[in-house]
Amino acid sequence: MHSYLRAIGFSKIKRESEVERLLTDVFDNFDHRDAVRDHDTAFVEMEKEYGPGMGIMLCGSVDQEGFHRQYYFPYYKGSGITTSADLVVEKRIGGDSFAGICDDGRVGVSLIFYLQNAARYQKEQILNQLPDHSITTTFSGLSTNGMILLPISKNESLEDVRRQSSAKHYQLMNAAKSGDQDAIENLTIEDMDLYSMVSRRIYQEDVFSIVDTFFMPYGMECDQYQVMGNIVSCEKIKNELTDESIYQMNIECNDMYFDVCINEKDLVGVPEEGRRFKGSIWLQGRINFN
């Protein structure tokens, strides 16, 4: 049983027999189907929505004997464009699922995400139409635990300084990746200054009044992260099958914008625009092919 089914409104499912009935519903009543043929078999994706932008993806192979299920996963399709940084896609061990690896200087670590549109990627790969330049990616996250924090008090002049500093840091990160020694030295000095500032303030302030947003690896799985971001917009929707309430939030984290989906039962506090979301997410991504 997939542990993130509850994030899209299936928290009451406890038995494998209930999962089987749900997957049968996806197979019989899918909303969208995509396939790619490879010799005598075809890889097929069937997705069914149970709410705006969220649902279950059923994946498997089709041959002369029929459909053979490989795996399934709950999904939430994000909106907009999260990043246009360089991207590498690697096939996971077993099955036809893929992981994407993205180096975005705004985060400081390589972001690993679960690829949502695997069939479309394989199709582009077979046709040799994968672009050799940067393409855009849309991130989204499923969360099973989170909380709402109040925002940090800010003024416009300090925000302008922060945005300029972030832009400069992003340029230095890109230069450092290219081997620029001056950029590497400047980044080292920045880290030392940041450590010194935090060490001074932590004695009198709470850490969440110092740190506005963060994006960091979490747990044993490579595509799980602990995030804290500012809520840009929020919508409360219902799972059409179970009637469970789900929050869908667009958040800004380290100057990146992406969407998070969480069950109301798993969220502490009331999300509103301007507040902050803190929680663990399973990071998914969709490559935006032209």
Foldseek 3Di string as FASTA:
>chain_A
DDPLPVLLPPPPDDDVVVVVVQVVCQVVPFPDKFWDDDPQKIKIWTWHDQWVQKTKIWIFMQGPVGTDTFDMDIDGDKDDFFDQADKDKDADPGDQWIWIWGDQLLAPDIAIATEDPSRVVVRCVVVVNDDPHTFTKAKEWGFQAKEWAAAADDDDVVVVVVVVVLVVSRVLSVVVVVPPPVSVVVVVVVVVVVVVVCVVCVVPDPPCNVDRKHWADDDDDRQKIKIKFAFQAKDWDARNPNRFIKIWTWTAHSNGTHIYIGTPVRYHDDDDHNIMMTGMTRMYMYTDDD
